[in-house]
Protein backbone atom coordinates (compact mmCIF):
# COMPACT_ATOMS: atom_id res chain seq x y z
CA MET A 1 128.78 110.18 85.24
CA ARG A 2 131.24 111.79 87.66
CA PHE A 3 133.61 110.04 90.08
CA ARG A 4 135.58 111.19 93.11
CA TRP A 5 137.24 109.53 96.07
CA GLN A 6 136.42 110.68 99.61
CA GLU A 7 138.79 108.83 101.92
CA SER A 8 138.05 105.14 101.31
CA SER A 9 134.68 105.74 99.62
CA LEU A 10 134.05 106.12 95.91
CA VAL A 11 131.34 108.72 95.21
CA VAL A 12 129.53 108.55 91.87
CA ASP A 13 127.18 111.21 90.52
CA ALA A 14 124.63 109.59 88.21
CA PRO A 15 122.90 111.91 85.69
CA ALA A 16 119.30 111.91 84.56
CA LYS A 17 118.41 111.82 80.86
CA LEU A 18 115.96 113.39 78.45
CA ASN A 19 114.49 111.80 75.33
CA LEU A 20 114.72 114.33 72.51
CA TYR A 21 113.20 111.80 70.13
CA LEU A 22 111.29 108.64 70.97
CA GLY A 23 109.75 106.69 68.12
CA VAL A 24 107.88 103.43 68.72
CA ARG A 25 108.17 100.98 65.84
CA GLY A 26 105.79 98.28 67.03
CA ARG A 27 105.81 95.29 69.36
CA ARG A 28 108.53 92.65 69.13
CA SER A 29 108.15 88.91 69.51
CA ASP A 30 109.67 89.10 73.02
CA GLY A 31 106.90 91.47 74.15
CA TYR A 32 109.03 94.62 74.16
CA HIS A 33 108.51 97.48 71.73
CA GLU A 34 111.06 98.29 69.03
CA LEU A 35 112.30 101.83 69.66
CA GLU A 36 114.44 104.53 68.19
CA THR A 37 115.32 107.24 70.67
CA VAL A 38 117.79 110.11 71.02
CA MET A 39 118.87 110.52 74.63
CA VAL A 40 120.95 113.22 76.29
CA SER A 41 122.27 113.12 79.84
CA ILE A 42 121.65 116.23 81.92
CA GLY A 43 122.99 117.92 85.03
CA LEU A 44 120.45 116.54 87.50
CA PHE A 45 122.20 113.86 89.56
CA ASP A 46 121.62 111.09 92.05
CA THR A 47 124.68 110.23 94.14
CA LEU A 48 126.01 106.82 95.17
CA ARG A 49 128.56 106.47 97.95
CA LEU A 50 130.34 103.12 97.75
CA THR A 51 132.37 102.07 100.80
CA PRO A 52 134.32 98.82 101.23
CA ALA A 53 132.78 96.36 103.68
CA PRO A 54 133.79 92.92 105.01
CA PRO A 55 133.63 89.97 102.59
CA GLY A 56 130.09 88.83 101.86
CA VAL A 57 128.48 92.02 103.19
CA LEU A 58 126.23 94.09 100.93
CA GLU A 59 124.44 96.93 102.70
CA PHE A 60 122.08 99.37 100.98
CA SER A 61 120.49 102.56 102.28
CA CYS A 62 118.71 105.41 100.56
CA SER A 63 117.70 108.98 101.32
CA SER A 64 115.71 111.38 99.18
CA ARG A 65 116.22 115.10 98.68
CA HIS A 66 113.16 115.47 96.49
CA ALA A 67 109.59 116.00 97.61
CA ALA A 68 108.22 114.15 94.56
CA SER A 69 109.73 110.84 95.65
CA ASP A 70 107.14 108.14 95.10
CA ALA A 71 107.88 104.88 96.87
CA LEU A 72 111.32 103.54 96.02
CA PRO A 73 111.94 99.79 95.69
CA ASP A 74 113.51 98.50 98.88
CA SER A 75 116.67 96.49 99.18
CA GLU A 76 116.75 93.50 96.82
CA GLN A 77 114.23 95.00 94.39
CA ASN A 78 116.25 98.19 93.91
CA LEU A 79 118.23 98.28 90.65
CA VAL A 80 121.37 99.32 92.54
CA VAL A 81 121.28 96.14 94.62
CA ARG A 82 120.45 94.02 91.59
CA ALA A 83 123.44 95.53 89.76
CA ALA A 84 125.70 94.74 92.73
CA ARG A 85 124.43 91.15 92.82
CA LEU A 86 125.22 90.73 89.13
CA LEU A 87 128.81 91.90 89.73
CA ILE A 88 129.18 89.60 92.72
CA ASP A 89 127.99 86.62 90.67
CA ALA A 90 130.28 87.54 87.76
CA ALA A 91 133.47 88.42 89.63
CA ASN A 92 133.29 87.10 93.23
CA PRO A 93 134.94 90.20 94.74
CA ARG A 94 137.20 89.88 97.78
CA CYS A 95 135.28 92.42 99.85
CA GLY A 96 131.73 93.63 100.24
CA ALA A 97 130.25 97.11 100.00
CA ALA A 98 128.06 99.54 101.87
CA ILE A 99 126.06 101.56 99.35
CA HIS A 100 124.20 104.76 100.14
CA LEU A 101 122.02 106.30 97.45
CA THR A 102 121.00 109.95 97.65
CA LYS A 103 118.01 110.51 95.35
CA ARG A 104 117.50 113.85 93.63
CA ILE A 105 116.02 112.57 90.36
CA PRO A 106 112.26 112.07 90.85
CA VAL A 107 111.10 108.52 90.26
CA ALA A 108 108.40 107.46 87.78
CA SER A 109 109.11 110.55 85.70
CA GLY A 110 110.81 109.35 82.50
CA LEU A 111 114.19 110.66 83.68
CA ALA A 112 115.72 107.17 84.12
CA GLY A 113 116.70 107.63 87.75
CA GLY A 114 116.69 103.91 88.43
CA SER A 115 118.65 103.10 85.29
CA THR A 116 121.37 105.67 85.88
CA ASP A 117 121.75 104.47 89.48
CA ALA A 118 122.19 100.91 88.23
CA ALA A 119 124.83 102.00 85.71
CA ALA A 120 126.67 103.96 88.41
CA ALA A 121 126.64 100.89 90.65
CA LEU A 122 128.06 98.69 87.89
CA VAL A 123 130.88 101.08 86.99
CA GLY A 124 131.57 102.22 90.54
CA LEU A 125 131.69 98.77 92.12
CA ASN A 126 133.81 97.48 89.24
CA ALA A 127 136.34 100.16 90.25
CA LEU A 128 135.92 99.80 94.02
CA TRP A 129 136.29 96.03 93.94
CA LYS A 130 138.92 96.07 91.15
CA THR A 131 137.06 93.24 89.48
CA GLY A 132 138.37 94.16 86.03
CA LEU A 133 135.16 93.51 84.08
CA THR A 134 135.44 94.73 80.50
CA ARG A 135 133.20 97.31 78.87
CA GLU A 136 131.46 94.50 76.97
CA GLN A 137 130.80 92.54 80.16
CA LEU A 138 129.36 95.61 81.86
CA HIS A 139 127.09 96.24 78.88
CA ARG A 140 125.81 92.67 78.99
CA ALA A 141 125.03 93.08 82.69
CA ALA A 142 123.35 96.42 82.03
CA ALA A 143 121.06 94.90 79.39
CA ARG A 144 119.76 92.46 82.02
CA LEU A 145 118.80 95.34 84.31
CA GLY A 146 116.81 97.60 82.01
CA SER A 147 116.53 99.19 78.60
CA ASP A 148 118.11 102.54 79.53
CA VAL A 149 121.02 101.30 81.65
CA ASN A 150 123.44 100.81 78.74
CA PHE A 151 123.16 104.47 77.70
CA PHE A 152 124.70 105.64 80.97
CA LEU A 153 127.75 103.37 80.69
CA ASP A 154 129.16 105.52 77.87
CA SER A 155 130.80 108.86 78.62
CA ASN A 156 129.24 110.61 75.62
CA PRO A 157 126.17 112.61 76.72
CA LEU A 158 124.31 112.15 73.40
CA ALA A 159 123.34 108.88 71.73
CA VAL A 160 120.87 107.20 69.41
CA CYS A 161 119.45 104.08 71.08
CA THR A 162 117.62 101.33 69.21
CA GLY A 163 116.27 97.84 69.83
CA ARG A 164 114.41 98.15 73.11
CA GLY A 165 116.84 101.00 73.92
CA GLU A 166 119.91 98.92 74.76
CA ILE A 167 121.77 99.30 71.42
CA ILE A 168 123.83 102.49 71.74
CA GLN A 169 125.33 104.65 68.99
CA SER A 170 127.13 107.62 70.54
CA ARG A 171 126.96 111.00 68.83
CA VAL A 172 129.10 114.11 69.25
CA LEU A 173 127.39 116.95 71.08
CA ARG A 174 128.54 120.25 69.59
CA GLY A 175 127.91 123.20 71.84
CA PRO A 176 125.84 123.45 75.02
CA LEU A 177 122.18 122.51 75.28
CA HIS A 178 120.11 124.18 77.98
CA PHE A 179 116.79 122.86 79.27
CA VAL A 180 114.25 123.45 81.96
CA VAL A 181 112.59 120.31 83.34
CA VAL A 182 109.31 120.20 85.24
CA ARG A 183 107.66 117.26 86.97
CA PRO A 184 103.89 117.79 87.19
CA GLY A 185 101.94 116.05 89.93
CA SER A 186 102.30 112.31 90.30
CA GLY A 187 104.52 109.99 88.30
CA LEU A 188 103.61 107.33 85.78
CA SER A 189 104.36 103.64 85.43
CA THR A 190 106.19 102.80 82.19
CA ALA A 191 104.16 99.60 81.89
CA ASP A 192 100.88 101.51 82.25
CA VAL A 193 101.88 103.98 79.53
CA PHE A 194 102.83 101.25 77.08
CA ARG A 195 99.56 99.42 77.80
CA ALA A 196 97.67 102.61 76.98
CA LEU A 197 99.63 103.14 73.76
CA ASP A 198 97.69 102.58 70.53
CA VAL A 199 100.39 101.92 67.94
CA SER A 200 97.84 102.23 65.11
CA GLN A 201 97.31 105.89 66.01
CA LEU A 202 100.96 106.90 65.84
CA GLU A 203 102.28 109.34 63.26
CA SER A 204 103.85 107.89 60.13
CA PRO A 205 107.34 106.53 60.81
CA SER A 206 110.29 108.88 60.54
CA ASP A 207 113.78 108.78 62.00
CA SER A 208 115.96 110.94 64.18
CA THR A 209 118.40 112.04 61.45
CA PRO A 210 116.92 115.54 60.88
CA LEU A 211 116.99 116.22 64.62
CA LEU A 212 120.61 115.14 64.92
CA GLN A 213 121.60 117.21 61.90
CA ALA A 214 119.94 120.31 63.35
CA LEU A 215 121.62 119.78 66.71
CA GLY A 216 124.98 119.30 65.01
CA ASP A 217 124.57 122.57 63.13
CA GLY A 218 123.44 124.47 66.22
CA ARG A 219 120.02 125.22 64.68
CA LEU A 220 118.01 124.95 67.88
CA GLY A 221 114.78 126.25 66.41
CA GLN A 222 114.91 123.60 63.69
CA ALA A 223 115.88 120.93 66.23
CA ALA A 224 112.91 121.89 68.41
CA ARG A 225 110.52 121.22 65.52
CA ARG A 226 111.94 117.69 65.31
CA LEU A 227 111.34 116.75 68.95
CA ARG A 228 109.11 113.69 69.15
CA ASN A 229 107.71 111.31 71.75
CA ASP A 230 105.23 108.69 70.62
CA LEU A 231 104.35 107.89 74.25
CA GLN A 232 103.16 111.40 75.05
CA PRO A 233 99.50 111.05 73.95
CA ALA A 234 99.04 107.86 75.98
CA ALA A 235 100.71 109.43 79.02
CA MET A 236 98.57 112.58 78.76
CA GLY A 237 95.47 110.39 78.87
CA LEU A 238 96.69 108.93 82.17
CA ASN A 239 97.96 112.16 83.71
CA PRO A 240 96.24 115.40 82.58
CA GLN A 241 98.84 117.45 84.46
CA ILE A 242 101.29 116.78 81.61
CA ALA A 243 99.26 119.08 79.35
CA ARG A 244 99.46 121.77 82.03
CA ALA A 245 103.24 121.42 82.19
CA LEU A 246 103.63 121.63 78.42
CA ALA A 247 101.42 124.73 78.33
CA ALA A 248 103.59 126.38 80.98
CA LEU A 249 106.72 125.59 78.97
CA SER A 250 105.09 127.06 75.88
CA ARG A 251 104.28 130.28 77.74
CA GLY A 252 107.94 130.42 78.71
CA ARG A 253 108.87 130.73 75.02
CA THR A 254 111.06 127.66 74.92
CA TYR A 255 112.22 126.66 71.45
CA GLY A 256 110.26 123.45 71.85
CA ARG A 257 108.85 121.29 74.59
CA MET A 258 108.12 117.57 75.05
CA MET A 259 107.53 114.89 77.63
CA THR A 260 110.55 112.71 78.35
CA GLY A 261 110.39 108.91 78.31
CA SER A 262 107.11 107.56 79.61
CA GLY A 263 106.57 110.68 81.74
CA SER A 264 105.45 112.47 83.65
CA ALA A 265 108.36 114.94 83.51
CA CYS A 266 108.47 117.40 80.62
CA TYR A 267 111.23 119.66 79.34
CA GLY A 268 111.70 122.80 77.31
CA LEU A 269 114.69 123.54 75.08
CA CYS A 270 115.97 126.97 76.11
CA ALA A 271 117.99 129.67 74.37
CA SER A 272 120.53 130.01 77.19
CA SER A 273 121.29 129.12 80.78
CA ARG A 274 119.82 132.46 81.82
CA HIS A 275 116.58 131.65 80.02
CA ALA A 276 116.46 128.23 81.70
CA ARG A 277 117.09 129.66 85.19
CA SER A 278 114.40 132.29 84.70
CA LEU A 279 111.85 129.65 83.74
CA GLU A 280 112.97 127.40 86.60
CA ALA A 281 111.94 130.06 89.12
CA GLN A 282 108.54 130.51 87.48
CA LEU A 283 107.87 126.79 87.19
CA LYS A 284 108.93 126.08 90.77
CA ALA A 285 106.30 128.54 91.93
CA GLU A 286 103.64 126.86 89.78
CA PHE A 287 104.59 123.22 90.33
CA GLY A 288 105.58 123.09 93.98
CA GLY A 289 109.32 123.36 93.50
CA HIS A 290 109.55 120.48 91.02
CA ALA A 291 111.52 122.23 88.29
CA TRP A 292 115.20 122.32 87.34
CA ALA A 293 117.36 124.37 84.99
CA VAL A 294 119.90 121.94 83.51
CA ARG A 295 122.32 121.53 80.65
CA ALA A 296 123.60 118.49 78.80
CA ALA A 297 126.18 116.80 81.03
CA VAL A 298 128.85 114.13 80.78
């Protein structure tokens, strides 16, 4: 997450994420699934502009710079507005805010665009309004908004997330990681993917330790063999274009490739930024411009 002041407005760049490992451990008593996932934030950003407004005023507007922008929730249903309402209820700020969201992260793609926007709103408005909420208070608010929101509150770009994804254990990222991301066709609903998931057909349980060890040692080829996403088979059954994207990434000689989150976006782990940029150009031509060369980002 990146912050800068432009006159009286606070501008926040909110990064997307990739799941390098996503293991489903079964359904919990509260209806959610128990997860273990390794997430990394990447240099594909939405931007929030937060401007002070008169007391009691909360204005929200949104524009999209991405052709693959399925319908965004309007106003009160948007996670940014819900995050702002939580802060208002918790801290009763002295002024309001006008919020403009510029979308670049495609929605319904497993890149956590809504979650990162919510986290940016929590942190940014806490600063704009000088409400003084603690890190623990912000994390409690984030957990009420969604499973991925807590991840973006920490400055470390790499973390292991457990529970339903809200329990965060930061990890040190040693050296750059370069990826190319492609979003094939239409997006997917997270709820639909989980409904299609057959837990009985999942691979035998493992954990993310070998992946983290390989990343820590800079052994990208070994790390690529440890990529995992238990949601991928269910998502591929709902969107056959995912298989096409993974095949294209394989032809591009990425170290490894996988769907992120509940899809439909997929990524390839690349040898270098030059490799990623080269594949970006090829994939944009094949997938209507919906490809990005990125690196892990704070």
